[in-house]
Amino acid sequence: MPQQYIEITKEDFEKFLRSRYRVYRPKEFVQDRGELVYDIPLSDHIVVKIYTSIAKGSGIGRGSGEDAIRVVMFGSTINRPVNKKAGNSIVKRTRGWKDNLSDRIDSFIETYHDHIDFYDAIAQGKEPPKKELKPVPQEKLETTETGDRVDPSGTFYPTPENAQKYNNALQHIVNTFGRSFPSGYADFLLSLGKWIVERKSWSPRQKEVVDKVLKRFKVTI
């Protein structure tokens, strides 16, 4: 039996975004053909762009078979998709569309956070890093007031004690505020804590993300 088409309104879509992705502060746009589009910002250069199939004038989705919801990881600076392999992820406007759409959005969010430096470079029209940098000689590492070290590229090397403090802080934030996070975001923060303890370094972008999270939730190390 074919799946039954469900009419989705602008109000339905906005309730969905508020309930699951409020933390990202989605932004509304209207395409040239009058379709409502929402951007979920992941950085200054990357958004998850959602083409809703909802016409601005009517506020409801186009008829069955005319269009589907499309999701893509998009470079807002270069004005084109940045994940060619994934392409447009399609969500049919049928029963369960909210969960299906969340799965697609969360997949793009997790993919981005797993490869922040790679996608940020592409989104700025730069050549993405192809391999990890070789360890910097100790004499070139700058020591901070807390005893941590930073190399000329901005890669962060905390002391073992501070690495554990960062991990504990991220775990505290997830345990305290995790219920309000969109799906996948809590796991992402926990993975950053595990990363710093096990690998003993963060890229400049990873450190920037963590600093913003700590500042937002007023947690100090």
C-alpha atoms as a PDB file:
ATOM      1  CA  MET A   1       0.000   0.000   0.000  1.00  0.00           C
ATOM      2  CA  PRO A   2       1.505   3.361  -1.014  1.00  0.00           C
ATOM      3  CA  GLN A   3       2.304   5.854   1.724  1.00  0.00           C
ATOM      4  CA  GLN A   4      -0.312   8.560   2.173  1.00  0.00           C
ATOM      5  CA  TYR A   5       0.638  12.166   1.484  1.00  0.00           C
ATOM      6  CA  ILE A   6       0.351  14.500   4.490  1.00  0.00           C
ATOM      7  CA  GLU A   7      -0.236  18.221   4.123  1.00  0.00           C
ATOM      8  CA  ILE A   8       2.489  20.151   5.979  1.00  0.00           C
ATOM      9  CA  THR A   9       1.965  23.819   6.766  1.00  0.00           C
ATOM     10  CA  LYS A  10       4.400  26.595   7.580  1.00  0.00           C
ATOM     11  CA  GLU A  11       3.169  26.454  11.182  1.00  0.00           C
ATOM     12  CA  ASP A  12       3.894  22.714  11.345  1.00  0.00           C
ATOM     13  CA  PHE A  13       7.415  23.282  10.098  1.00  0.00           C
ATOM     14  CA  GLU A  14       8.160  26.111  12.501  1.00  0.00           C
ATOM     15  CA  LYS A  15       6.902  24.071  15.477  1.00  0.00           C
ATOM     16  CA  PHE A  16       9.159  21.218  14.381  1.00  0.00           C
ATOM     17  CA  LEU A  17      12.217  23.488  14.177  1.00  0.00           C
ATOM     18  CA  ARG A  18      11.480  25.179  17.503  1.00  0.00           C
ATOM     19  CA  SER A  19      11.044  21.874  19.327  1.00  0.00           C
ATOM     20  CA  ARG A  20      14.170  20.170  17.959  1.00  0.00           C
ATOM     21  CA  TYR A  21      16.608  22.802  16.674  1.00  0.00           C
ATOM     22  CA  ARG A  22      15.938  25.979  18.653  1.00  0.00           C
ATOM     23  CA  VAL A  23      19.558  26.015  19.883  1.00  0.00           C
ATOM     24  CA  TYR A  24      20.757  26.594  16.296  1.00  0.00           C
ATOM     25  CA  ARG A  25      18.384  29.548  15.702  1.00  0.00           C
ATOM     26  CA  PRO A  26      17.090  28.540  12.234  1.00  0.00           C
ATOM     27  CA  LYS A  27      16.622  31.343   9.713  1.00  0.00           C
ATOM     28  CA  GLU A  28      13.795  31.626   7.194  1.00  0.00           C
ATOM     29  CA  PHE A  29      14.262  32.544   3.526  1.00  0.00           C
ATOM     30  CA  VAL A  30      12.132  32.532   0.392  1.00  0.00           C
ATOM     31  CA  GLN A  31      13.549  31.122  -2.843  1.00  0.00           C
ATOM     32  CA  ASP A  32      12.971  32.801  -6.210  1.00  0.00           C
ATOM     33  CA  ARG A  33      10.180  30.342  -7.014  1.00  0.00           C
ATOM     34  CA  GLY A  34       8.422  31.219  -3.747  1.00  0.00           C
ATOM     35  CA  GLU A  35       9.438  28.151  -1.735  1.00  0.00           C
ATOM     36  CA  LEU A  36      10.107  28.553   1.994  1.00  0.00           C
ATOM     37  CA  VAL A  37      13.646  27.555   2.937  1.00  0.00           C
ATOM     38  CA  TYR A  38      15.174  27.287   6.415  1.00  0.00           C
ATOM     39  CA  ASP A  39      18.873  27.452   7.267  1.00  0.00           C
ATOM     40  CA  ILE A  40      20.308  25.786  10.380  1.00  0.00           C
ATOM     41  CA  PRO A  41      23.677  27.543  10.917  1.00  0.00           C
ATOM     42  CA  LEU A  42      26.555  25.290  11.982  1.00  0.00           C
ATOM     43  CA  SER A  43      29.299  27.912  11.584  1.00  0.00           C
ATOM     44  CA  ASP A  44      29.903  31.245   9.872  1.00  0.00           C
ATOM     45  CA  HIS A  45      30.225  29.409   6.559  1.00  0.00           C
ATOM     46  CA  ILE A  46      28.161  26.204   6.821  1.00  0.00           C
ATOM     47  CA  VAL A  47      24.398  25.709   7.116  1.00  0.00           C
ATOM     48  CA  VAL A  48      22.040  22.789   6.819  1.00  0.00           C
ATOM     49  CA  LYS A  49      19.590  24.103   4.216  1.00  0.00           C
ATOM     50  CA  ILE A  50      16.044  22.726   4.213  1.00  0.00           C
ATOM     51  CA  TYR A  51      13.853  23.212   1.146  1.00  0.00           C
ATOM     52  CA  THR A  52      10.388  22.737   2.632  1.00  0.00           C
ATOM     53  CA  SER A  53       8.236  22.440  -0.543  1.00  0.00           C
ATOM     54  CA  ILE A  54       5.935  24.963   1.162  1.00  0.00           C
ATOM     55  CA  ALA A  55       4.801  27.893  -0.969  1.00  0.00           C
ATOM     56  CA  LYS A  56       5.207  31.267   0.747  1.00  0.00           C
ATOM     57  CA  GLY A  57       1.850  32.592  -0.389  1.00  0.00           C
ATOM     58  CA  SER A  58      -0.329  29.631   0.608  1.00  0.00           C
ATOM     59  CA  GLY A  59       1.686  28.465   3.615  1.00  0.00           C
ATOM     60  CA  ILE A  60       1.109  24.795   2.719  1.00  0.00           C
ATOM     61  CA  GLY A  61       3.126  22.165   0.879  1.00  0.00           C
ATOM     62  CA  ARG A  62       2.625  21.552  -2.808  1.00  0.00           C
ATOM     63  CA  GLY A  63       0.406  18.681  -3.876  1.00  0.00           C
ATOM     64  CA  SER A  64       1.333  15.012  -3.574  1.00  0.00           C
ATOM     65  CA  GLY A  65       4.003  14.015  -6.067  1.00  0.00           C
ATOM     66  CA  GLU A  66       4.889  17.596  -6.963  1.00  0.00           C
ATOM     67  CA  ASP A  67       7.791  17.956  -4.560  1.00  0.00           C
ATOM     68  CA  ALA A  68       9.433  16.603  -1.418  1.00  0.00           C
ATOM     69  CA  ILE A  69      11.420  18.126   1.422  1.00  0.00           C
ATOM     70  CA  ARG A  70      15.106  18.367   0.508  1.00  0.00           C
ATOM     71  CA  VAL A  71      18.046  18.746   2.910  1.00  0.00           C
ATOM     72  CA  VAL A  72      21.612  19.678   1.979  1.00  0.00           C
ATOM     73  CA  MET A  73      24.828  20.797   3.690  1.00  0.00           C
ATOM     74  CA  PHE A  74      25.434  24.191   2.129  1.00  0.00           C
ATOM     75  CA  GLY A  75      28.291  26.677   1.978  1.00  0.00           C
ATOM     76  CA  SER A  76      26.703  30.067   2.635  1.00  0.00           C
ATOM     77  CA  THR A  77      29.839  31.929   1.520  1.00  0.00           C
ATOM     78  CA  ILE A  78      30.368  30.080  -1.773  1.00  0.00           C
ATOM     79  CA  ASN A  79      26.598  29.651  -2.274  1.00  0.00           C
ATOM     80  CA  ARG A  80      26.614  25.955  -3.170  1.00  0.00           C
ATOM     81  CA  PRO A  81      26.454  22.523  -1.506  1.00  0.00           C
ATOM     82  CA  VAL A  82      29.678  21.323   0.132  1.00  0.00           C
ATOM     83  CA  ASN A  83      28.892  17.629   0.437  1.00  0.00           C
ATOM     84  CA  LYS A  84      28.756  16.319  -3.147  1.00  0.00           C
ATOM     85  CA  LYS A  85      28.730  12.686  -2.053  1.00  0.00           C
ATOM     86  CA  ALA A  86      25.596  13.104   0.062  1.00  0.00           C
ATOM     87  CA  GLY A  87      23.897  15.460  -2.372  1.00  0.00           C
ATOM     88  CA  ASN A  88      20.276  16.342  -1.654  1.00  0.00           C
ATOM     89  CA  SER A  89      18.702  14.163   1.033  1.00  0.00           C
ATOM     90  CA  ILE A  90      15.020  13.624   0.256  1.00  0.00           C
ATOM     91  CA  VAL A  91      12.235  13.367   2.841  1.00  0.00           C
ATOM     92  CA  LYS A  92       8.765  12.408   1.621  1.00  0.00           C
ATOM     93  CA  ARG A  93       5.820  14.290   3.071  1.00  0.00           C
ATOM     94  CA  THR A  94       4.239  11.207   4.604  1.00  0.00           C
ATOM     95  CA  ARG A  95       3.521   9.923   8.111  1.00  0.00           C
ATOM     96  CA  GLY A  96       6.683  10.097  10.221  1.00  0.00           C
ATOM     97  CA  TRP A  97       8.143  13.010   8.240  1.00  0.00           C
ATOM     98  CA  LYS A  98       9.402  14.756  11.392  1.00  0.00           C
ATOM     99  CA  ASP A  99      11.523  11.830  12.553  1.00  0.00           C
ATOM    100  CA  ASN A 100      12.758  11.173   9.015  1.00  0.00           C
ATOM    101  CA  LEU A 101      13.695  14.825   8.581  1.00  0.00           C
ATOM    102  CA  SER A 102      15.473  14.867  11.961  1.00  0.00           C
ATOM    103  CA  ASP A 103      17.504  11.839  10.899  1.00  0.00           C
ATOM    104  CA  ARG A 104      18.677  13.659   7.751  1.00  0.00           C
ATOM    105  CA  ILE A 105      19.467  16.916   9.574  1.00  0.00           C
ATOM    106  CA  ASP A 106      21.280  15.154  12.413  1.00  0.00           C
ATOM    107  CA  SER A 107      23.321  13.138   9.923  1.00  0.00           C
ATOM    108  CA  PHE A 108      24.580  16.339   8.284  1.00  0.00           C
ATOM    109  CA  ILE A 109      25.281  17.951  11.671  1.00  0.00           C
ATOM    110  CA  GLU A 110      27.292  14.943  12.839  1.00  0.00           C
ATOM    111  CA  THR A 111      29.155  14.722   9.522  1.00  0.00           C
ATOM    112  CA  TYR A 112      30.119  18.381   9.797  1.00  0.00           C
ATOM    113  CA  HIS A 113      31.274  18.126  13.414  1.00  0.00           C
ATOM    114  CA  ASP A 114      33.339  15.032  12.606  1.00  0.00           C
ATOM    115  CA  HIS A 115      35.182  16.956   9.861  1.00  0.00           C
ATOM    116  CA  ILE A 116      34.959  20.611  10.877  1.00  0.00           C
ATOM    117  CA  ASP A 117      38.253  21.774   9.345  1.00  0.00           C
ATOM    118  CA  PHE A 118      37.552  19.937   6.092  1.00  0.00           C
ATOM    119  CA  TYR A 119      34.100  21.435   5.471  1.00  0.00           C
ATOM    120  CA  ASP A 120      34.972  24.915   6.717  1.00  0.00           C
ATOM    121  CA  ALA A 121      37.824  25.013   4.204  1.00  0.00           C
ATOM    122  CA  ILE A 122      35.572  23.947   1.312  1.00  0.00           C
ATOM    123  CA  ALA A 123      32.893  26.436   2.356  1.00  0.00           C
ATOM    124  CA  GLN A 124      35.438  29.266   2.090  1.00  0.00           C
ATOM    125  CA  GLY A 125      36.698  28.136  -1.309  1.00  0.00           C
ATOM    126  CA  LYS A 126      39.973  26.874   0.160  1.00  0.00           C
ATOM    127  CA  GLU A 127      41.824  23.630  -0.371  1.00  0.00           C
ATOM    128  CA  PRO A 128      40.723  21.193   2.398  1.00  0.00           C
ATOM    129  CA  PRO A 129      43.421  19.640   4.582  1.00  0.00           C
ATOM    130  CA  LYS A 130      44.517  16.297   3.150  1.00  0.00           C
ATOM    131  CA  LYS A 131      46.506  14.950   6.065  1.00  0.00           C
ATOM    132  CA  GLU A 132      47.289  15.710   9.674  1.00  0.00           C
ATOM    133  CA  LEU A 133      50.103  18.085  10.421  1.00  0.00           C
ATOM    134  CA  LYS A 134      53.335  16.625  11.747  1.00  0.00           C
ATOM    135  CA  PRO A 135      53.996  17.211  15.459  1.00  0.00           C
ATOM    136  CA  VAL A 136      55.494  20.629  16.106  1.00  0.00           C
ATOM    137  CA  PRO A 137      58.885  20.683  17.868  1.00  0.00           C
ATOM    138  CA  GLN A 138      58.499  21.417  21.568  1.00  0.00           C
ATOM    139  CA  GLU A 139      60.510  24.633  21.318  1.00  0.00           C
ATOM    140  CA  LYS A 140      57.862  26.074  18.957  1.00  0.00           C
ATOM    141  CA  LEU A 141      54.958  25.457  21.344  1.00  0.00           C
ATOM    142  CA  GLU A 142      53.650  28.473  23.236  1.00  0.00           C
ATOM    143  CA  THR A 143      52.774  27.821  26.894  1.00  0.00           C
ATOM    144  CA  THR A 144      49.628  29.469  28.270  1.00  0.00           C
ATOM    145  CA  GLU A 145      49.017  30.727  31.801  1.00  0.00           C
ATOM    146  CA  THR A 146      47.258  27.456  32.627  1.00  0.00           C
ATOM    147  CA  GLY A 147      50.217  25.355  31.521  1.00  0.00           C
ATOM    148  CA  ASP A 148      48.569  24.257  28.281  1.00  0.00           C
ATOM    149  CA  ARG A 149      50.405  24.578  24.977  1.00  0.00           C
ATOM    150  CA  VAL A 150      49.460  25.933  21.561  1.00  0.00           C
ATOM    151  CA  ASP A 151      51.386  25.451  18.335  1.00  0.00           C
ATOM    152  CA  PRO A 152      51.723  28.097  15.572  1.00  0.00           C
ATOM    153  CA  SER A 153      48.697  26.669  13.717  1.00  0.00           C
ATOM    154  CA  GLY A 154      46.507  27.077  16.821  1.00  0.00           C
ATOM    155  CA  THR A 155      46.332  23.371  17.694  1.00  0.00           C
ATOM    156  CA  PHE A 156      45.672  23.075  21.420  1.00  0.00           C
ATOM    157  CA  TYR A 157      47.592  20.678  23.710  1.00  0.00           C
ATOM    158  CA  PRO A 158      46.281  20.781  27.308  1.00  0.00           C
ATOM    159  CA  THR A 159      47.996  19.294  30.313  1.00  0.00           C
ATOM    160  CA  PRO A 160      46.569  15.864  31.276  1.00  0.00           C
ATOM    161  CA  GLU A 161      44.899  17.488  34.281  1.00  0.00           C
ATOM    162  CA  ASN A 162      43.245  20.211  32.203  1.00  0.00           C
ATOM    163  CA  ALA A 163      42.212  17.730  29.512  1.00  0.00           C
ATOM    164  CA  GLN A 164      40.257  15.863  32.164  1.00  0.00           C
ATOM    165  CA  LYS A 165      38.760  19.138  33.407  1.00  0.00           C
ATOM    166  CA  TYR A 166      37.500  19.937  29.907  1.00  0.00           C
ATOM    167  CA  ASN A 167      36.032  16.457  29.648  1.00  0.00           C
ATOM    168  CA  ASN A 168      34.324  16.794  33.023  1.00  0.00           C
ATOM    169  CA  ALA A 169      32.948  20.238  32.087  1.00  0.00           C
ATOM    170  CA  LEU A 170      31.407  18.944  28.845  1.00  0.00           C
ATOM    171  CA  GLN A 171      29.904  15.974  30.681  1.00  0.00           C
ATOM    172  CA  HIS A 172      28.431  18.375  33.263  1.00  0.00           C
ATOM    173  CA  ILE A 173      26.860  20.519  30.518  1.00  0.00           C
ATOM    174  CA  VAL A 174      25.336  17.468  28.829  1.00  0.00           C
ATOM    175  CA  ASN A 175      24.013  16.055  32.117  1.00  0.00           C
ATOM    176  CA  THR A 176      22.525  19.407  33.138  1.00  0.00           C
ATOM    177  CA  PHE A 177      21.204  20.801  29.871  1.00  0.00           C
ATOM    178  CA  GLY A 178      21.231  17.811  27.490  1.00  0.00           C
ATOM    179  CA  ARG A 179      17.471  17.382  27.375  1.00  0.00           C
ATOM    180  CA  SER A 180      17.132  20.701  25.543  1.00  0.00           C
ATOM    181  CA  PHE A 181      19.751  19.822  22.912  1.00  0.00           C
ATOM    182  CA  PRO A 182      18.842  18.694  19.392  1.00  0.00           C
ATOM    183  CA  SER A 183      19.389  15.031  18.617  1.00  0.00           C
ATOM    184  CA  GLY A 184      23.084  14.221  18.227  1.00  0.00           C
ATOM    185  CA  TYR A 185      24.421  17.412  19.818  1.00  0.00           C
ATOM    186  CA  ALA A 186      24.981  15.918  23.286  1.00  0.00           C
ATOM    187  CA  ASP A 187      26.876  12.995  21.751  1.00  0.00           C
ATOM    188  CA  PHE A 188      28.992  15.460  19.801  1.00  0.00           C
ATOM    189  CA  LEU A 189      29.999  17.345  22.974  1.00  0.00           C
ATOM    190  CA  LEU A 190      30.807  14.093  24.763  1.00  0.00           C
ATOM    191  CA  SER A 191      32.927  12.990  21.811  1.00  0.00           C
ATOM    192  CA  LEU A 192      34.949  16.217  22.067  1.00  0.00           C
ATOM    193  CA  GLY A 193      35.628  15.479  25.738  1.00  0.00           C
ATOM    194  CA  LYS A 194      36.686  11.924  24.972  1.00  0.00           C
ATOM    195  CA  TRP A 195      38.853  13.167  22.103  1.00  0.00           C
ATOM    196  CA  ILE A 196      40.861  15.590  24.262  1.00  0.00           C
ATOM    197  CA  VAL A 197      41.528  12.951  26.924  1.00  0.00           C
ATOM    198  CA  GLU A 198      42.524  10.223  24.469  1.00  0.00           C
ATOM    199  CA  ARG A 199      44.266  12.204  21.718  1.00  0.00           C
ATOM    200  CA  LYS A 200      45.494  15.051  23.912  1.00  0.00           C
ATOM    201  CA  SER A 201      44.883  17.791  21.345  1.00  0.00           C
ATOM    202  CA  TRP A 202      42.135  19.813  19.679  1.00  0.00           C
ATOM    203  CA  SER A 203      42.191  21.554  16.336  1.00  0.00           C
ATOM    204  CA  PRO A 204      41.691  25.349  16.440  1.00  0.00           C
ATOM    205  CA  ARG A 205      38.074  24.880  15.321  1.00  0.00           C
ATOM    206  CA  GLN A 206      37.362  22.220  17.963  1.00  0.00           C
ATOM    207  CA  LYS A 207      38.794  24.471  20.675  1.00  0.00           C
ATOM    208  CA  GLU A 208      36.716  27.402  19.396  1.00  0.00           C
ATOM    209  CA  VAL A 209      33.521  25.312  19.558  1.00  0.00           C
ATOM    210  CA  VAL A 210      34.287  24.165  23.114  1.00  0.00           C
ATOM    211  CA  ASP A 211      35.114  27.701  24.289  1.00  0.00           C
ATOM    212  CA  LYS A 212      31.778  28.957  22.926  1.00  0.00           C
ATOM    213  CA  VAL A 213      29.875  26.148  24.640  1.00  0.00           C
ATOM    214  CA  LEU A 214      31.612  26.789  27.979  1.00  0.00           C
ATOM    215  CA  LYS A 215      30.933  30.511  27.708  1.00  0.00           C
ATOM    216  CA  ARG A 216      27.286  30.004  26.785  1.00  0.00           C
ATOM    217  CA  PHE A 217      26.615  27.784  29.783  1.00  0.00           C
ATOM    218  CA  LYS A 218      28.898  29.838  32.075  1.00  0.00           C
ATOM    219  CA  VAL A 219      31.220  26.944  32.915  1.00  0.00           C
ATOM    220  CA  THR A 220      34.835  27.673  33.717  1.00  0.00           C
ATOM    221  CA  ILE A 221      37.852  25.378  33.714  1.00  0.00           C
END
